[in-house]
Amino acid sequence: MPKKNRQYANRVRIIKYVKSGDKWRFGNPVERKGKIVRDHVWIEGRDEHHPEGTYYIEWYENGSQRRKKSVPDFAQLVEQARRKAFEIEGLRNGVIEAKQTPPRQAPVVSW
């Protein structure tokens, strides 16, 4: 069976980590008229106000590795998501060269 191409491979999502009840969880931000409503997230199908918590952008690297990055400044949230989407598209089209990350090495223990 051929592997399906993921439709969300170059998509960047905005999510918020909030405390709902007694546990922390991620929620999708509420949008009205195409704009994110500050401090409002969808929790179990309800629009809830959560001034606590942190916004994140989320994307997939190399087609399957999910990555997240916190964005502490709400004013920069949409801009950082937009820039990351451009970066992903540039990597996919070969316009931007992929960064090579060095492999992790085990720490040296001396006795």
PDB file of N, CA and C in Angstrom:
ATOM      1  N   MET A   1       0.845  -1.186   0.000  1.00  0.00           N
ATOM      2  CA  MET A   1       0.000   0.000   0.000  1.00  0.00           C
ATOM      3  C   MET A   1       0.887   1.245   0.000  1.00  0.00           C
ATOM      4  N   PRO A   2       0.690   2.160  -0.946  1.00  0.00           N
ATOM      5  CA  PRO A   2       1.546   3.357  -1.005  1.00  0.00           C
ATOM      6  C   PRO A   2       1.280   4.278   0.183  1.00  0.00           C
ATOM      7  N   LYS A   3       2.336   4.932   0.627  1.00  0.00           N
ATOM      8  CA  LYS A   3       2.235   5.876   1.735  1.00  0.00           C
ATOM      9  C   LYS A   3       1.539   7.146   1.259  1.00  0.00           C
ATOM     10  N   LYS A   4       0.546   7.606   2.017  1.00  0.00           N
ATOM     11  CA  LYS A   4      -0.182   8.815   1.643  1.00  0.00           C
ATOM     12  C   LYS A   4       0.628  10.047   2.016  1.00  0.00           C
ATOM     13  N   ASN A   5       0.595  11.037   1.158  1.00  0.00           N
ATOM     14  CA  ASN A   5       1.219  12.316   1.482  1.00  0.00           C
ATOM     15  C   ASN A   5       0.341  13.036   2.485  1.00  0.00           C
ATOM     16  N   ARG A   6       0.968  13.603   3.479  1.00  0.00           N
ATOM     17  CA  ARG A   6       0.210  14.334   4.486  1.00  0.00           C
ATOM     18  C   ARG A   6      -0.126  15.721   3.966  1.00  0.00           C
ATOM     19  N   GLN A   7      -1.361  16.084   4.081  1.00  0.00           N
ATOM     20  CA  GLN A   7      -1.816  17.380   3.596  1.00  0.00           C
ATOM     21  C   GLN A   7      -1.362  18.520   4.509  1.00  0.00           C
ATOM     22  N   TYR A   8      -1.024  18.201   5.760  1.00  0.00           N
ATOM     23  CA  TYR A   8      -0.653  19.241   6.710  1.00  0.00           C
ATOM     24  C   TYR A   8       0.851  19.393   6.857  1.00  0.00           C
ATOM     25  N   ALA A   9       1.616  18.838   5.946  1.00  0.00           N
ATOM     26  CA  ALA A   9       3.077  18.838   6.082  1.00  0.00           C
ATOM     27  C   ALA A   9       3.664  20.242   6.133  1.00  0.00           C
ATOM     28  N   ASN A  10       3.066  21.212   5.469  1.00  0.00           N
ATOM     29  CA  ASN A  10       3.633  22.558   5.498  1.00  0.00           C
ATOM     30  C   ASN A  10       2.754  23.538   6.265  1.00  0.00           C
ATOM     31  N   ARG A  11       1.887  23.011   7.111  1.00  0.00           N
ATOM     32  CA  ARG A  11       0.985  23.861   7.872  1.00  0.00           C
ATOM     33  C   ARG A  11       1.572  24.160   9.248  1.00  0.00           C
ATOM     34  N   VAL A  12       1.323  25.345   9.736  1.00  0.00           N
ATOM     35  CA  VAL A  12       1.732  25.742  11.077  1.00  0.00           C
ATOM     36  C   VAL A  12       0.464  26.048  11.859  1.00  0.00           C
ATOM     37  N   ARG A  13       0.318  25.389  12.986  1.00  0.00           N
ATOM     38  CA  ARG A  13      -0.863  25.593  13.837  1.00  0.00           C
ATOM     39  C   ARG A  13      -0.504  26.493  15.005  1.00  0.00           C
ATOM     40  N   ILE A  14      -1.488  27.224  15.491  1.00  0.00           N
ATOM     41  CA  ILE A  14      -1.343  28.014  16.709  1.00  0.00           C
ATOM     42  C   ILE A  14      -2.191  27.323  17.766  1.00  0.00           C
ATOM     43  N   ILE A  15      -1.581  27.068  18.934  1.00  0.00           N
ATOM     44  CA  ILE A  15      -2.291  26.430  20.038  1.00  0.00           C
ATOM     45  C   ILE A  15      -1.919  27.152  21.333  1.00  0.00           C
ATOM     46  N   LYS A  16      -2.694  26.917  22.387  1.00  0.00           N
ATOM     47  CA  LYS A  16      -2.392  27.537  23.678  1.00  0.00           C
ATOM     48  C   LYS A  16      -2.460  26.469  24.761  1.00  0.00           C
ATOM     49  N   TYR A  17      -1.479  26.487  25.649  1.00  0.00           N
ATOM     50  CA  TYR A  17      -1.392  25.551  26.765  1.00  0.00           C
ATOM     51  C   TYR A  17      -2.038  26.224  27.969  1.00  0.00           C
ATOM     52  N   VAL A  18      -3.167  25.672  28.436  1.00  0.00           N
ATOM     53  CA  VAL A  18      -3.944  26.308  29.498  1.00  0.00           C
ATOM     54  C   VAL A  18      -4.282  25.294  30.588  1.00  0.00           C
ATOM     55  N   LYS A  19      -4.659  25.802  31.752  1.00  0.00           N
ATOM     56  CA  LYS A  19      -5.104  24.941  32.851  1.00  0.00           C
ATOM     57  C   LYS A  19      -6.617  24.874  32.807  1.00  0.00           C
ATOM     58  N   SER A  20      -7.125  23.670  32.574  1.00  0.00           N
ATOM     59  CA  SER A  20      -8.564  23.445  32.512  1.00  0.00           C
ATOM     60  C   SER A  20      -8.919  22.470  33.628  1.00  0.00           C
ATOM     61  N   GLY A  21      -9.657  22.950  34.597  1.00  0.00           N
ATOM     62  CA  GLY A  21      -9.938  22.120  35.766  1.00  0.00           C
ATOM     63  C   GLY A  21      -8.671  21.959  36.580  1.00  0.00           C
ATOM     64  N   ASP A  22      -8.253  20.728  36.797  1.00  0.00           N
ATOM     65  CA  ASP A  22      -7.037  20.490  37.570  1.00  0.00           C
ATOM     66  C   ASP A  22      -5.862  20.007  36.731  1.00  0.00           C
ATOM     67  N   LYS A  23      -5.990  20.067  35.396  1.00  0.00           N
ATOM     68  CA  LYS A  23      -4.873  19.634  34.553  1.00  0.00           C
ATOM     69  C   LYS A  23      -4.599  20.634  33.441  1.00  0.00           C
ATOM     70  N   TRP A  24      -3.358  20.590  32.950  1.00  0.00           N
ATOM     71  CA  TRP A  24      -2.934  21.453  31.844  1.00  0.00           C
ATOM     72  C   TRP A  24      -3.152  20.716  30.534  1.00  0.00           C
ATOM     73  N   ARG A  25      -3.602  21.460  29.511  1.00  0.00           N
ATOM     74  CA  ARG A  25      -3.845  20.854  28.197  1.00  0.00           C
ATOM     75  C   ARG A  25      -3.729  21.902  27.100  1.00  0.00           C
ATOM     76  N   PHE A  26      -3.592  21.421  25.867  1.00  0.00           N
ATOM     77  CA  PHE A  26      -3.539  22.304  24.719  1.00  0.00           C
ATOM     78  C   PHE A  26      -4.948  22.537  24.190  1.00  0.00           C
ATOM     79  N   GLY A  27      -5.214  23.771  23.769  1.00  0.00           N
ATOM     80  CA  GLY A  27      -6.501  24.115  23.164  1.00  0.00           C
ATOM     81  C   GLY A  27      -6.284  24.960  21.924  1.00  0.00           C
ATOM     82  N   ASN A  28      -7.197  24.829  20.985  1.00  0.00           N
ATOM     83  CA  ASN A  28      -7.148  25.659  19.782  1.00  0.00           C
ATOM     84  C   ASN A  28      -7.716  27.036  20.088  1.00  0.00           C
ATOM     85  N   PRO A  29      -7.072  28.084  19.595  1.00  0.00           N
ATOM     86  CA  PRO A  29      -7.584  29.426  19.869  1.00  0.00           C
ATOM     87  C   PRO A  29      -8.898  29.689  19.129  1.00  0.00           C
ATOM     88  N   VAL A  30      -9.724  30.535  19.717  1.00  0.00           N
ATOM     89  CA  VAL A  30     -10.990  30.940  19.102  1.00  0.00           C
ATOM     90  C   VAL A  30     -10.681  32.015  18.070  1.00  0.00           C
ATOM     91  N   GLU A  31     -11.305  31.895  16.911  1.00  0.00           N
ATOM     92  CA  GLU A  31     -11.148  32.902  15.860  1.00  0.00           C
ATOM     93  C   GLU A  31     -12.506  33.532  15.563  1.00  0.00           C
ATOM     94  N   ARG A  32     -12.505  34.834  15.381  1.00  0.00           N
ATOM     95  CA  ARG A  32     -13.694  35.567  14.957  1.00  0.00           C
ATOM     96  C   ARG A  32     -13.284  36.521  13.853  1.00  0.00           C
ATOM     97  N   LYS A  33     -14.004  36.447  12.763  1.00  0.00           N
ATOM     98  CA  LYS A  33     -13.725  37.291  11.596  1.00  0.00           C
ATOM     99  C   LYS A  33     -12.272  37.148  11.140  1.00  0.00           C
ATOM    100  N   GLY A  34     -11.751  35.920  11.214  1.00  0.00           N
ATOM    101  CA  GLY A  34     -10.404  35.637  10.734  1.00  0.00           C
ATOM    102  C   GLY A  34      -9.287  36.067  11.659  1.00  0.00           C
ATOM    103  N   LYS A  35      -9.612  36.506  12.876  1.00  0.00           N
ATOM    104  CA  LYS A  35      -8.586  36.942  13.823  1.00  0.00           C
ATOM    105  C   LYS A  35      -8.698  36.139  15.113  1.00  0.00           C
ATOM    106  N   ILE A  36      -7.553  35.899  15.742  1.00  0.00           N
ATOM    107  CA  ILE A  36      -7.521  35.152  16.996  1.00  0.00           C
ATOM    108  C   ILE A  36      -8.009  36.044  18.123  1.00  0.00           C
ATOM    109  N   VAL A  37      -8.926  35.511  18.921  1.00  0.00           N
ATOM    110  CA  VAL A  37      -9.429  36.231  20.088  1.00  0.00           C
ATOM    111  C   VAL A  37      -8.476  35.930  21.249  1.00  0.00           C
ATOM    112  N   ARG A  38      -7.861  36.957  21.778  1.00  0.00           N
ATOM    113  CA  ARG A  38      -6.852  36.795  22.816  1.00  0.00           C
ATOM    114  C   ARG A  38      -7.432  36.101  24.051  1.00  0.00           C
ATOM    115  N   ASP A  39      -6.694  35.099  24.539  1.00  0.00           N
ATOM    116  CA  ASP A  39      -7.016  34.361  25.769  1.00  0.00           C
ATOM    117  C   ASP A  39      -8.293  33.526  25.699  1.00  0.00           C
ATOM    118  N   HIS A  40      -8.819  33.261  24.519  1.00  0.00           N
ATOM    119  CA  HIS A  40      -9.990  32.396  24.380  1.00  0.00           C
ATOM    120  C   HIS A  40      -9.579  31.145  23.601  1.00  0.00           C
ATOM    121  N   VAL A  41      -9.903  29.966  24.151  1.00  0.00           N
ATOM    122  CA  VAL A  41      -9.580  28.691  23.506  1.00  0.00           C
ATOM    123  C   VAL A  41     -10.798  27.787  23.526  1.00  0.00           C
ATOM    124  N   TRP A  42     -10.798  26.816  22.611  1.00  0.00           N
ATOM    125  CA  TRP A  42     -11.846  25.808  22.563  1.00  0.00           C
ATOM    126  C   TRP A  42     -11.432  24.647  23.464  1.00  0.00           C
ATOM    127  N   ILE A  43     -12.238  24.367  24.478  1.00  0.00           N
ATOM    128  CA  ILE A  43     -12.038  23.229  25.367  1.00  0.00           C
ATOM    129  C   ILE A  43     -13.326  22.414  25.343  1.00  0.00           C
ATOM    130  N   GLU A  44     -13.229  21.169  24.855  1.00  0.00           N
ATOM    131  CA  GLU A  44     -14.371  20.259  24.763  1.00  0.00           C
ATOM    132  C   GLU A  44     -15.575  20.925  24.087  1.00  0.00           C
ATOM    133  N   GLY A  45     -15.308  21.656  22.998  1.00  0.00           N
ATOM    134  CA  GLY A  45     -16.368  22.271  22.217  1.00  0.00           C
ATOM    135  C   GLY A  45     -16.919  23.574  22.772  1.00  0.00           C
ATOM    136  N   ARG A  46     -16.326  24.061  23.854  1.00  0.00           N
ATOM    137  CA  ARG A  46     -16.788  25.322  24.462  1.00  0.00           C
ATOM    138  C   ARG A  46     -15.703  26.383  24.351  1.00  0.00           C
ATOM    139  N   ASP A  47     -16.141  27.616  24.140  1.00  0.00           N
ATOM    140  CA  ASP A  47     -15.241  28.777  24.140  1.00  0.00           C
ATOM    141  C   ASP A  47     -14.997  29.147  25.599  1.00  0.00           C
ATOM    142  N   GLU A  48     -13.741  29.001  26.057  1.00  0.00           N
ATOM    143  CA  GLU A  48     -13.400  29.331  27.442  1.00  0.00           C
ATOM    144  C   GLU A  48     -12.330  30.412  27.476  1.00  0.00           C
ATOM    145  N   HIS A  49     -12.437  31.298  28.466  1.00  0.00           N
ATOM    146  CA  HIS A  49     -11.462  32.373  28.658  1.00  0.00           C
ATOM    147  C   HIS A  49     -10.356  31.875  29.586  1.00  0.00           C
ATOM    148  N   HIS A  50      -9.102  31.945  29.124  1.00  0.00           N
ATOM    149  CA  HIS A  50      -7.946  31.489  29.902  1.00  0.00           C
ATOM    150  C   HIS A  50      -6.811  32.497  29.766  1.00  0.00           C
ATOM    151  N   PRO A  51      -6.724  33.475  30.689  1.00  0.00           N
ATOM    152  CA  PRO A  51      -5.620  34.434  30.616  1.00  0.00           C
ATOM    153  C   PRO A  51      -4.278  33.797  30.981  1.00  0.00           C
ATOM    154  N   GLU A  52      -4.294  32.669  31.700  1.00  0.00           N
ATOM    155  CA  GLU A  52      -3.052  31.966  32.035  1.00  0.00           C
ATOM    156  C   GLU A  52      -2.611  31.129  30.837  1.00  0.00           C
ATOM    157  N   GLY A  53      -1.386  30.687  30.886  1.00  0.00           N
ATOM    158  CA  GLY A  53      -0.903  29.782  29.843  1.00  0.00           C
ATOM    159  C   GLY A  53      -0.019  30.462  28.813  1.00  0.00           C
ATOM    160  N   THR A  54       0.439  29.649  27.870  1.00  0.00           N
ATOM    161  CA  THR A  54       1.388  30.096  26.855  1.00  0.00           C
ATOM    162  C   THR A  54       0.927  29.673  25.474  1.00  0.00           C
ATOM    163  N   TYR A  55       1.102  30.564  24.512  1.00  0.00           N
ATOM    164  CA  TYR A  55       0.812  30.232  23.116  1.00  0.00           C
ATOM    165  C   TYR A  55       2.009  29.500  22.511  1.00  0.00           C
ATOM    166  N   TYR A  56       1.721  28.592  21.590  1.00  0.00           N
ATOM    167  CA  TYR A  56       2.741  27.835  20.876  1.00  0.00           C
ATOM    168  C   TYR A  56       2.402  27.826  19.398  1.00  0.00           C
ATOM    169  N   ILE A  57       3.460  27.686  18.572  1.00  0.00           N
ATOM    170  CA  ILE A  57       3.235  27.329  17.174  1.00  0.00           C
ATOM    171  C   ILE A  57       3.693  25.877  17.052  1.00  0.00           C
ATOM    172  N   GLU A  58       3.003  25.122  16.196  1.00  0.00           N
ATOM    173  CA  GLU A  58       3.287  23.702  16.038  1.00  0.00           C
ATOM    174  C   GLU A  58       3.377  23.389  14.549  1.00  0.00           C
ATOM    175  N   TRP A  59       4.365  22.573  14.173  1.00  0.00           N
ATOM    176  CA  TRP A  59       4.552  22.197  12.772  1.00  0.00           C
ATOM    177  C   TRP A  59       5.213  20.831  12.711  1.00  0.00           C
ATOM    178  N   TYR A  60       5.280  20.279  11.517  1.00  0.00           N
ATOM    179  CA  TYR A  60       5.936  18.993  11.294  1.00  0.00           C
ATOM    180  C   TYR A  60       7.232  19.216  10.529  1.00  0.00           C
ATOM    181  N   GLU A  61       8.303  18.566  11.002  1.00  0.00           N
ATOM    182  CA  GLU A  61       9.596  18.595  10.332  1.00  0.00           C
ATOM    183  C   GLU A  61       9.850  17.244   9.701  1.00  0.00           C
ATOM    184  N   ASN A  62      10.457  17.248   8.536  1.00  0.00           N
ATOM    185  CA  ASN A  62      10.786  16.016   7.823  1.00  0.00           C
ATOM    186  C   ASN A  62       9.553  15.144   7.599  1.00  0.00           C
ATOM    187  N   GLY A  63       8.407  15.751   7.504  1.00  0.00           N
ATOM    188  CA  GLY A  63       7.183  15.025   7.204  1.00  0.00           C
ATOM    189  C   GLY A  63       6.540  14.308   8.364  1.00  0.00           C
ATOM    190  N   SER A  64       7.277  14.036   9.450  1.00  0.00           N
ATOM    191  CA  SER A  64       6.655  13.259  10.511  1.00  0.00           C
ATOM    192  C   SER A  64       7.005  13.693  11.930  1.00  0.00           C
ATOM    193  N   GLN A  65       8.048  14.479  12.123  1.00  0.00           N
ATOM    194  CA  GLN A  65       8.428  14.893  13.471  1.00  0.00           C
ATOM    195  C   GLN A  65       7.677  16.166  13.864  1.00  0.00           C
ATOM    196  N   ARG A  66       6.832  16.062  14.884  1.00  0.00           N
ATOM    197  CA  ARG A  66       6.070  17.218  15.330  1.00  0.00           C
ATOM    198  C   ARG A  66       6.940  18.081  16.233  1.00  0.00           C
ATOM    199  N   ARG A  67       6.934  19.369  15.979  1.00  0.00           N
ATOM    200  CA  ARG A  67       7.722  20.333  16.755  1.00  0.00           C
ATOM    201  C   ARG A  67       6.807  21.429  17.289  1.00  0.00           C
ATOM    202  N   LYS A  68       7.201  21.976  18.440  1.00  0.00           N
ATOM    203  CA  LYS A  68       6.481  23.101  19.041  1.00  0.00           C
ATOM    204  C   LYS A  68       7.492  24.150  19.472  1.00  0.00           C
ATOM    205  N   LYS A  69       7.056  25.401  19.418  1.00  0.00           N
ATOM    206  CA  LYS A  69       7.889  26.506  19.891  1.00  0.00           C
ATOM    207  C   LYS A  69       6.984  27.476  20.625  1.00  0.00           C
ATOM    208  N   SER A  70       7.364  27.853  21.839  1.00  0.00           N
ATOM    209  CA  SER A  70       6.547  28.795  22.594  1.00  0.00           C
ATOM    210  C   SER A  70       6.730  30.208  22.043  1.00  0.00           C
ATOM    211  N   VAL A  71       5.649  30.964  22.093  1.00  0.00           N
ATOM    212  CA  VAL A  71       5.664  32.355  21.649  1.00  0.00           C
ATOM    213  C   VAL A  71       5.088  33.176  22.806  1.00  0.00           C
ATOM    214  N   PRO A  72       5.958  33.756  23.644  1.00  0.00           N
ATOM    215  CA  PRO A  72       5.468  34.461  24.828  1.00  0.00           C
ATOM    216  C   PRO A  72       4.736  35.769  24.542  1.00  0.00           C
ATOM    217  N   ASP A  73       5.011  36.391  23.409  1.00  0.00           N
ATOM    218  CA  ASP A  73       4.403  37.686  23.086  1.00  0.00           C
ATOM    219  C   ASP A  73       3.246  37.489  22.106  1.00  0.00           C
ATOM    220  N   PHE A  74       2.018  37.741  22.561  1.00  0.00           N
ATOM    221  CA  PHE A  74       0.833  37.553  21.726  1.00  0.00           C
ATOM    222  C   PHE A  74       0.909  38.391  20.450  1.00  0.00           C
ATOM    223  N   ALA A  75       1.506  39.578  20.531  1.00  0.00           N
ATOM    224  CA  ALA A  75       1.599  40.459  19.362  1.00  0.00           C
ATOM    225  C   ALA A  75       2.444  39.841  18.248  1.00  0.00           C
ATOM    226  N   GLN A  76       3.374  38.954  18.588  1.00  0.00           N
ATOM    227  CA  GLN A  76       4.251  38.327  17.602  1.00  0.00           C
ATOM    228  C   GLN A  76       3.757  36.958  17.140  1.00  0.00           C
ATOM    229  N   LEU A  77       2.663  36.480  17.698  1.00  0.00           N
ATOM    230  CA  LEU A  77       2.184  35.126  17.449  1.00  0.00           C
ATOM    231  C   LEU A  77       1.909  34.839  15.976  1.00  0.00           C
ATOM    232  N   VAL A  78       1.083  35.618  15.352  1.00  0.00           N
ATOM    233  CA  VAL A  78       0.713  35.387  13.957  1.00  0.00           C
ATOM    234  C   VAL A  78       1.918  35.577  13.039  1.00  0.00           C
ATOM    235  N   GLU A  79       2.742  36.563  13.311  1.00  0.00           N
ATOM    236  CA  GLU A  79       3.925  36.805  12.487  1.00  0.00           C
ATOM    237  C   GLU A  79       4.900  35.628  12.553  1.00  0.00           C
ATOM    238  N   GLN A  80       5.123  35.070  13.749  1.00  0.00           N
ATOM    239  CA  GLN A  80       6.039  33.935  13.862  1.00  0.00           C
ATOM    240  C   GLN A  80       5.476  32.696  13.163  1.00  0.00           C
ATOM    241  N   ALA A  81       4.168  32.490  13.254  1.00  0.00           N
ATOM    242  CA  ALA A  81       3.542  31.367  12.550  1.00  0.00           C
ATOM    243  C   ALA A  81       3.683  31.544  11.040  1.00  0.00           C
ATOM    244  N   ARG A  82       3.488  32.752  10.562  1.00  0.00           N
ATOM    245  CA  ARG A  82       3.612  33.038   9.127  1.00  0.00           C
ATOM    246  C   ARG A  82       5.040  32.806   8.650  1.00  0.00           C
ATOM    247  N   ARG A  83       6.023  33.270   9.406  1.00  0.00           N
ATOM    248  CA  ARG A  83       7.428  33.087   9.036  1.00  0.00           C
ATOM    249  C   ARG A  83       7.814  31.607   9.014  1.00  0.00           C
ATOM    250  N   LYS A  84       7.316  30.847   9.996  1.00  0.00           N
ATOM    251  CA  LYS A  84       7.618  29.418  10.030  1.00  0.00           C
ATOM    252  C   LYS A  84       6.999  28.715   8.826  1.00  0.00           C
ATOM    253  N   ALA A  85       5.793  29.108   8.434  1.00  0.00           N
ATOM    254  CA  ALA A  85       5.149  28.517   7.257  1.00  0.00           C
ATOM    255  C   ALA A  85       5.968  28.804   5.998  1.00  0.00           C
ATOM    256  N   PHE A  86       6.497  30.025   5.866  1.00  0.00           N
ATOM    257  CA  PHE A  86       7.353  30.361   4.725  1.00  0.00           C
ATOM    258  C   PHE A  86       8.637  29.529   4.745  1.00  0.00           C
ATOM    259  N   GLU A  87       9.209  29.352   5.931  1.00  0.00           N
ATOM    260  CA  GLU A  87      10.433  28.556   6.061  1.00  0.00           C
ATOM    261  C   GLU A  87      10.183  27.105   5.643  1.00  0.00           C
ATOM    262  N   ILE A  88       9.092  26.524   6.082  1.00  0.00           N
ATOM    263  CA  ILE A  88       8.753  25.141   5.726  1.00  0.00           C
ATOM    264  C   ILE A  88       8.560  25.016   4.220  1.00  0.00           C
ATOM    265  N   GLU A  89       7.863  25.966   3.633  1.00  0.00           N
ATOM    266  CA  GLU A  89       7.638  25.940   2.183  1.00  0.00           C
ATOM    267  C   GLU A  89       8.953  26.095   1.425  1.00  0.00           C
ATOM    268  N   GLY A  90       9.849  26.950   1.917  1.00  0.00           N
ATOM    269  CA  GLY A  90      11.149  27.128   1.291  1.00  0.00           C
ATOM    270  C   GLY A  90      12.000  25.865   1.368  1.00  0.00           C
ATOM    271  N   LEU A  91      11.967  25.182   2.506  1.00  0.00           N
ATOM    272  CA  LEU A  91      12.693  23.916   2.643  1.00  0.00           C
ATOM    273  C   LEU A  91      12.132  22.873   1.684  1.00  0.00           C
ATOM    274  N   ARG A  92      10.824  22.818   1.592  1.00  0.00           N
ATOM    275  CA  ARG A  92      10.171  21.830   0.722  1.00  0.00           C
ATOM    276  C   ARG A  92      10.521  22.048  -0.748  1.00  0.00           C
ATOM    277  N   ASN A  93      10.622  23.310  -1.151  1.00  0.00           N
ATOM    278  CA  ASN A  93      10.918  23.637  -2.547  1.00  0.00           C
ATOM    279  C   ASN A  93      12.411  23.750  -2.843  1.00  0.00           C
ATOM    280  N   GLY A  94      13.257  23.569  -1.827  1.00  0.00           N
ATOM    281  CA  GLY A  94      14.696  23.620  -2.041  1.00  0.00           C
ATOM    282  C   GLY A  94      15.273  25.016  -2.096  1.00  0.00           C
ATOM    283  N   VAL A  95      14.504  26.023  -1.753  1.00  0.00           N
ATOM    284  CA  VAL A  95      14.992  27.406  -1.761  1.00  0.00           C
ATOM    285  C   VAL A  95      15.879  27.659  -0.549  1.00  0.00           C
ATOM    286  N   ILE A  96      15.530  27.031   0.567  1.00  0.00           N
ATOM    287  CA  ILE A  96      16.302  27.159   1.798  1.00  0.00           C
ATOM    288  C   ILE A  96      16.975  25.818   2.055  1.00  0.00           C
ATOM    289  N   GLU A  97      18.237  25.870   2.462  1.00  0.00           N
ATOM    290  CA  GLU A  97      18.974  24.639   2.753  1.00  0.00           C
ATOM    291  C   GLU A  97      18.657  24.170   4.166  1.00  0.00           C
ATOM    292  N   ALA A  98      18.414  22.876   4.328  1.00  0.00           N
ATOM    293  CA  ALA A  98      18.087  22.307   5.639  1.00  0.00           C
ATOM    294  C   ALA A  98      19.293  22.378   6.559  1.00  0.00           C
ATOM    295  N   LYS A  99      19.039  22.686   7.828  1.00  0.00           N
ATOM    296  CA  LYS A  99      20.105  22.731   8.832  1.00  0.00           C
ATOM    297  C   LYS A  99      20.428  21.302   9.251  1.00  0.00           C
ATOM    298  N   GLN A 100      21.699  21.030   9.388  1.00  0.00           N
ATOM    299  CA  GLN A 100      22.138  19.719   9.855  1.00  0.00           C
ATOM    300  C   GLN A 100      22.359  19.807  11.355  1.00  0.00           C
ATOM    301  N   THR A 101      21.657  18.986  12.125  1.00  0.00           N
ATOM    302  CA  THR A 101      21.847  18.968  13.569  1.00  0.00           C
ATOM    303  C   THR A 101      22.821  17.850  13.909  1.00  0.00           C
ATOM    304  N   PRO A 102      23.820  18.141  14.734  1.00  0.00           N
ATOM    305  CA  PRO A 102      24.785  17.101  15.090  1.00  0.00           C
ATOM    306  C   PRO A 102      24.113  16.023  15.932  1.00  0.00           C
ATOM    307  N   PRO A 103      24.536  14.768  15.791  1.00  0.00           N
ATOM    308  CA  PRO A 103      23.936  13.701  16.600  1.00  0.00           C
ATOM    309  C   PRO A 103      24.279  13.894  18.065  1.00  0.00           C
ATOM    310  N   ARG A 104      23.382  13.481  18.934  1.00  0.00           N
ATOM    311  CA  ARG A 104      23.619  13.595  20.380  1.00  0.00           C
ATOM    312  C   ARG A 104      24.651  12.577  20.804  1.00  0.00           C
ATOM    313  N   GLN A 105      25.502  13.018  21.708  1.00  0.00           N
ATOM    314  CA  GLN A 105      26.515  12.107  22.247  1.00  0.00           C
ATOM    315  C   GLN A 105      26.217  11.867  23.718  1.00  0.00           C
ATOM    316  N   ALA A 106      26.523  10.675  24.159  1.00  0.00           N
ATOM    317  CA  ALA A 106      26.329  10.338  25.570  1.00  0.00           C
ATOM    318  C   ALA A 106      27.302  11.154  26.406  1.00  0.00           C
ATOM    319  N   PRO A 107      26.885  11.592  27.591  1.00  0.00           N
ATOM    320  CA  PRO A 107      27.804  12.361  28.437  1.00  0.00           C
ATOM    321  C   PRO A 107      28.967  11.486  28.912  1.00  0.00           C
ATOM    322  N   VAL A 108      30.114  12.111  29.073  1.00  0.00           N
ATOM    323  CA  VAL A 108      31.299  11.399  29.532  1.00  0.00           C
ATOM    324  C   VAL A 108      31.265  11.360  31.049  1.00  0.00           C
ATOM    325  N   VAL A 109      31.373  10.155  31.587  1.00  0.00           N
ATOM    326  CA  VAL A 109      31.372   9.983  33.045  1.00  0.00           C
ATOM    327  C   VAL A 109      32.760   9.579  33.466  1.00  0.00           C
ATOM    328  N   SER A 110      33.322  10.318  34.390  1.00  0.00           N
ATOM    329  CA  SER A 110      34.657   9.962  34.895  1.00  0.00           C
ATOM    330  C   SER A 110      34.528   9.603  36.373  1.00  0.00           C
ATOM    331  N   TRP A 111      35.232   8.577  36.754  1.00  0.00           N
ATOM    332  CA  TRP A 111      35.153   8.098  38.151  1.00  0.00           C
ATOM    333  C   TRP A 111      36.353   8.511  38.914  1.00  0.00           C
TER     334      TRP A 111
END
